[in-house]
């Protein structure tokens, strides 16, 4: 099995090392192509206004001066010798839950893989302020990663779909299990914008996410992680709101 690894935290991120450790439990044919620096929050951005440079860091290990989407594109077209069987993105340092997936470079890298027709899975490790910088920050992902990934490698998935996985911020032995759940939603009405001035006296603004409310609807990824479970969510690339098509068609016909 040939596996392409990528992320949005950069080629040197500890989560990528965790992902490689997980992947090597299934294959020795591992290729890596990731951004050369952190690209969190880039979403599905594609670099179009400047050249993207490819750098080799070792055998089957590359980085690009661009976004996670660029990394997957370069991985598929310029790095890997043949089409991979699986693309794994992560393990992200931080949650990619609910509608945050629309901002996520981690998930967007998997989206790019799905667009290319490759089975693609995004993995993220949720953290708390206490666990963010600790040595055990990725403990749950390290211990449970292969248990989650195994069934996803041979489960039939429709075209243009991907899977989003989030590990709760707790010790591995405290994880209650794995839940297949739907995407939840946040309340962004209370998101923060921090205002300040740089050393030259110019005003700047910095977006903060700390005040965002979680809407813990039953059966969602937010609820699963909050309850101590690993959340596994299948996502689709078709964003059409099909139930609205008839009403809109009727309006234009009239």
Protein backbone atom coordinates (compact mmCIF):
# COMPACT_ATOMS: atom_id res chain seq x y z
CA UNK A 1 0.00 0.00 0.00
CA UNK A 2 1.39 3.38 -1.02
CA UNK A 3 0.55 6.23 1.37
CA UNK A 4 1.10 9.96 0.91
CA UNK A 5 1.34 12.01 4.11
CA UNK A 6 0.76 15.74 4.41
CA UNK A 7 -0.46 18.33 6.91
CA UNK A 8 -0.96 22.05 7.49
CA UNK A 9 1.40 22.46 10.47
CA UNK A 10 4.53 22.08 8.36
CA UNK A 11 7.14 19.48 7.49
CA UNK A 12 8.79 19.65 10.92
CA UNK A 13 5.57 19.49 13.00
CA UNK A 14 5.45 16.83 15.73
CA UNK A 15 2.02 15.74 14.54
CA UNK A 16 3.46 14.71 11.19
CA UNK A 17 5.92 12.44 12.98
CA UNK A 18 2.96 10.92 14.84
CA UNK A 19 1.12 10.40 11.55
CA UNK A 20 4.16 8.69 10.01
CA UNK A 21 4.36 6.37 13.01
CA UNK A 22 0.69 5.47 12.53
CA UNK A 23 1.06 4.98 8.77
CA UNK A 24 4.09 2.71 9.12
CA UNK A 25 1.95 0.20 11.00
CA UNK A 26 0.25 -0.45 7.64
CA UNK A 27 2.95 0.12 5.03
CA UNK A 28 6.63 0.84 4.39
CA UNK A 29 5.81 2.64 1.13
CA UNK A 30 5.43 6.07 2.74
CA UNK A 31 5.86 9.41 0.96
CA UNK A 32 5.71 12.83 2.57
CA UNK A 33 4.93 16.18 0.94
CA UNK A 34 3.94 18.95 3.35
CA UNK A 35 4.15 22.75 3.58
CA UNK A 36 7.56 24.03 4.65
CA UNK A 37 5.97 26.11 7.41
CA UNK A 38 2.67 26.33 9.28
CA UNK A 39 -0.35 26.95 7.07
CA UNK A 40 -3.16 26.64 9.63
CA UNK A 41 -6.42 28.28 8.62
CA UNK A 42 -5.52 28.36 4.92
CA UNK A 43 -8.49 26.21 3.98
CA UNK A 44 -8.48 25.02 0.39
CA UNK A 45 -6.26 27.84 -0.84
CA UNK A 46 -4.18 27.25 -3.98
CA UNK A 47 -1.10 29.36 -4.73
CA UNK A 48 -1.57 31.12 -8.07
CA UNK A 49 0.26 34.46 -7.86
CA UNK A 50 3.79 33.27 -7.10
CA UNK A 51 5.90 30.19 -7.86
CA UNK A 52 5.86 27.19 -5.55
CA UNK A 53 9.23 25.66 -4.74
CA UNK A 54 9.81 22.00 -3.93
CA UNK A 55 12.47 21.04 -1.39
CA UNK A 56 13.83 17.57 -0.62
CA UNK A 57 14.57 16.73 3.01
CA UNK A 58 15.44 13.07 2.62
CA UNK A 59 14.33 9.86 0.97
CA UNK A 60 10.65 10.26 -0.01
CA UNK A 61 10.39 13.40 2.16
CA UNK A 62 9.58 16.76 0.58
CA UNK A 63 8.17 20.18 1.42
CA UNK A 64 6.65 22.98 -0.64
CA UNK A 65 6.62 26.74 -0.20
CA UNK A 66 2.85 26.83 -0.30
CA UNK A 67 -0.43 25.65 1.13
CA UNK A 68 -1.64 22.16 2.07
CA UNK A 69 -3.49 22.03 -1.25
CA UNK A 70 -0.23 22.87 -3.05
CA UNK A 71 1.50 20.11 -1.10
CA UNK A 72 -0.99 17.46 -2.21
CA UNK A 73 -0.92 18.70 -5.80
CA UNK A 74 2.88 18.59 -5.91
CA UNK A 75 2.92 15.27 -4.11
CA UNK A 76 0.65 13.68 -6.68
CA UNK A 77 2.16 15.30 -9.79
CA UNK A 78 5.85 15.80 -9.06
CA UNK A 79 6.93 13.75 -6.02
CA UNK A 80 5.34 10.34 -5.77
CA UNK A 81 6.20 7.74 -8.36
CA UNK A 82 2.64 6.50 -8.87
CA UNK A 83 -0.86 7.23 -7.62
CA UNK A 84 -1.05 6.53 -3.88
CA UNK A 85 -3.68 4.27 -2.42
CA UNK A 86 -4.31 6.60 0.51
CA UNK A 87 -3.63 10.21 1.49
CA UNK A 88 -3.38 10.95 5.21
CA UNK A 89 -3.40 14.54 6.47
CA UNK A 90 -2.34 15.49 10.01
CA UNK A 91 -2.05 14.78 12.78
CA UNK A 92 -3.14 18.39 13.25
CA UNK A 93 -2.25 20.17 16.49
CA UNK A 94 -5.74 21.24 17.46
CA UNK A 95 -9.33 20.39 16.68
CA UNK A 96 -10.92 20.37 13.25
CA UNK A 97 -14.51 19.98 14.37
CA UNK A 98 -17.90 21.20 13.18
CA UNK A 99 -17.84 24.11 10.72
CA UNK A 100 -14.19 24.80 11.51
CA UNK A 101 -13.46 22.27 8.78
CA UNK A 102 -14.17 25.03 6.23
CA UNK A 103 -11.06 26.87 7.46
CA UNK A 104 -8.91 23.81 8.00
CA UNK A 105 -5.83 23.24 5.88
CA UNK A 106 -5.68 19.72 7.29
CA UNK A 107 -9.13 18.83 6.03
CA UNK A 108 -8.60 20.75 2.77
CA UNK A 109 -5.53 18.65 2.00
CA UNK A 110 -7.78 15.59 2.27
CA UNK A 111 -10.36 17.34 0.10
CA UNK A 112 -7.72 17.79 -2.60
CA UNK A 113 -6.92 14.12 -2.36
CA UNK A 114 -10.58 13.19 -2.68
CA UNK A 115 -10.88 15.42 -5.75
CA UNK A 116 -8.02 13.45 -7.27
CA UNK A 117 -9.88 10.21 -6.64
CA UNK A 118 -7.66 9.00 -3.78
CA UNK A 119 -9.01 7.69 -0.47
CA UNK A 120 -8.27 10.58 1.89
CA UNK A 121 -8.41 10.89 5.67
CA UNK A 122 -7.74 13.91 7.90
CA UNK A 123 -6.66 13.42 11.51
CA UNK A 124 -6.56 16.02 14.29
CA UNK A 125 -5.63 15.96 17.96
CA UNK A 126 -7.82 18.20 20.12
CA UNK A 127 -5.92 19.88 22.96
CA UNK A 128 -6.59 21.97 26.04
CA UNK A 129 -4.53 24.83 27.42
CA UNK A 130 -2.95 22.34 29.79
CA UNK A 131 -2.04 19.74 27.14
CA UNK A 132 -1.20 22.03 24.22
CA UNK A 133 2.57 22.11 24.72
CA UNK A 134 3.04 18.98 26.82
CA UNK A 135 4.91 15.87 25.70
CA UNK A 136 1.66 13.92 25.91
CA UNK A 137 -0.29 16.28 23.63
CA UNK A 138 -0.58 13.61 20.90
CA UNK A 139 -0.91 10.62 23.23
CA UNK A 140 -4.47 9.73 22.22
CA UNK A 141 -3.68 9.97 18.50
CA UNK A 142 -0.50 7.93 18.91
CA UNK A 143 -2.23 5.13 20.81
CA UNK A 144 -5.53 5.08 18.92
CA UNK A 145 -4.48 6.17 15.42
CA UNK A 146 -4.00 2.69 13.97
CA UNK A 147 -7.22 1.43 15.59
CA UNK A 148 -9.14 4.20 13.84
CA UNK A 149 -7.29 3.99 10.55
CA UNK A 150 -7.51 0.23 10.04
CA UNK A 151 -11.25 0.05 9.31
CA UNK A 152 -11.08 3.21 7.18
CA UNK A 153 -8.58 1.65 4.79
CA UNK A 154 -10.95 -1.07 3.57
CA UNK A 155 -14.38 0.45 4.10
CA UNK A 156 -16.01 1.30 0.75
CA UNK A 157 -16.33 5.07 0.34
CA UNK A 158 -18.23 6.85 -2.44
CA UNK A 159 -16.32 9.06 -4.86
CA UNK A 160 -15.70 12.65 -3.77
CA UNK A 161 -15.91 11.84 -0.09
CA UNK A 162 -13.33 11.93 2.69
CA UNK A 163 -13.16 11.14 6.39
CA UNK A 164 -12.41 13.58 9.22
CA UNK A 165 -11.06 12.16 12.51
CA UNK A 166 -10.66 14.03 15.81
CA UNK A 167 -9.00 12.58 18.93
CA UNK A 168 -10.17 13.92 22.32
CA UNK A 169 -7.68 15.75 24.59
CA UNK A 170 -7.44 13.01 27.19
CA UNK A 171 -5.10 10.18 28.13
CA UNK A 172 -5.30 7.13 25.84
CA UNK A 173 -6.70 4.89 28.57
CA UNK A 174 -9.46 7.43 29.22
CA UNK A 175 -10.75 7.32 25.64
CA UNK A 176 -14.15 5.63 25.68
CA UNK A 177 -14.12 4.42 22.09
CA UNK A 178 -14.81 5.53 18.53
CA UNK A 179 -18.03 7.10 17.24
CA UNK A 180 -19.12 7.66 13.65
CA UNK A 181 -20.92 11.01 13.88
CA UNK A 182 -22.11 13.92 11.79
CA UNK A 183 -20.58 17.36 11.58
CA UNK A 184 -21.67 19.76 14.31
CA UNK A 185 -21.88 23.54 14.32
CA UNK A 186 -20.36 26.36 16.34
CA UNK A 187 -21.84 29.68 17.37
CA UNK A 188 -19.49 32.24 15.83
CA UNK A 189 -21.40 35.28 17.07
CA UNK A 190 -18.97 35.67 19.98
CA UNK A 191 -15.68 35.20 18.16
CA UNK A 192 -13.05 37.69 19.31
CA UNK A 193 -11.05 40.28 17.39
CA UNK A 194 -8.06 41.49 19.40
CA UNK A 195 -6.89 45.02 18.64
CA UNK A 196 -3.36 46.29 19.22
CA UNK A 197 -0.52 48.46 17.92
CA UNK A 198 2.78 47.31 16.48
CA UNK A 199 6.17 48.79 17.53
CA UNK A 200 5.82 51.49 14.86
CA UNK A 201 2.48 52.57 16.23
CA UNK A 202 0.30 51.15 13.47
CA UNK A 203 -2.97 49.51 14.42
CA UNK A 204 -3.53 45.80 13.80
CA UNK A 205 -6.22 43.20 14.44
CA UNK A 206 -5.76 39.57 15.43
CA UNK A 207 -8.59 37.06 15.16
CA UNK A 208 -9.17 34.92 18.24
CA UNK A 209 -11.30 31.79 18.63
CA UNK A 210 -11.35 31.33 22.39
CA UNK A 211 -14.86 32.71 22.90
CA UNK A 212 -16.57 30.56 20.26
CA UNK A 213 -19.50 28.61 21.68
CA UNK A 214 -19.87 24.88 21.05
CA UNK A 215 -23.33 23.65 20.10
CA UNK A 216 -23.33 20.09 21.42
CA UNK A 217 -26.18 18.66 19.36
CA UNK A 218 -26.71 14.93 19.78
CA UNK A 219 -24.79 12.72 17.38
CA UNK A 220 -22.21 15.32 16.36
CA UNK A 221 -18.42 15.41 16.34
CA UNK A 222 -18.47 18.11 19.03
CA UNK A 223 -20.54 15.95 21.36
CA UNK A 224 -18.44 12.84 20.74
CA UNK A 225 -15.14 14.55 21.61
CA UNK A 226 -16.72 16.29 24.59
CA UNK A 227 -17.89 12.88 25.85
CA UNK A 228 -14.40 11.39 25.53
CA UNK A 229 -14.82 9.55 22.21
CA UNK A 230 -12.86 9.73 18.97
CA UNK A 231 -15.05 11.38 16.34
CA UNK A 232 -15.07 9.91 12.83
CA UNK A 233 -17.07 11.97 10.32
CA UNK A 234 -17.57 11.20 6.62
CA UNK A 235 -17.66 14.37 4.53
CA UNK A 236 -18.81 14.99 0.98
CA UNK A 237 -17.62 17.52 -1.58
CA UNK A 238 -21.07 18.17 -3.04
CA UNK A 239 -22.13 21.39 -1.27
CA UNK A 240 -25.42 21.65 -3.14
CA UNK A 241 -28.46 22.18 -0.89
CA UNK A 242 -30.62 19.81 -2.89
CA UNK A 243 -33.88 20.49 -1.08
CA UNK A 244 -33.74 24.14 -2.20
CA UNK A 245 -33.34 23.37 -5.90
CA UNK A 246 -37.06 22.90 -6.56
CA UNK A 247 -38.06 26.16 -4.88
CA UNK A 248 -35.38 28.16 -6.73
CA UNK A 249 -36.26 26.55 -10.06
CA UNK A 250 -39.93 27.44 -9.51
CA UNK A 251 -39.05 31.08 -8.80
CA UNK A 252 -37.11 31.45 -12.03
CA UNK A 253 -39.72 29.63 -14.06
CA UNK A 254 -42.32 32.12 -12.88
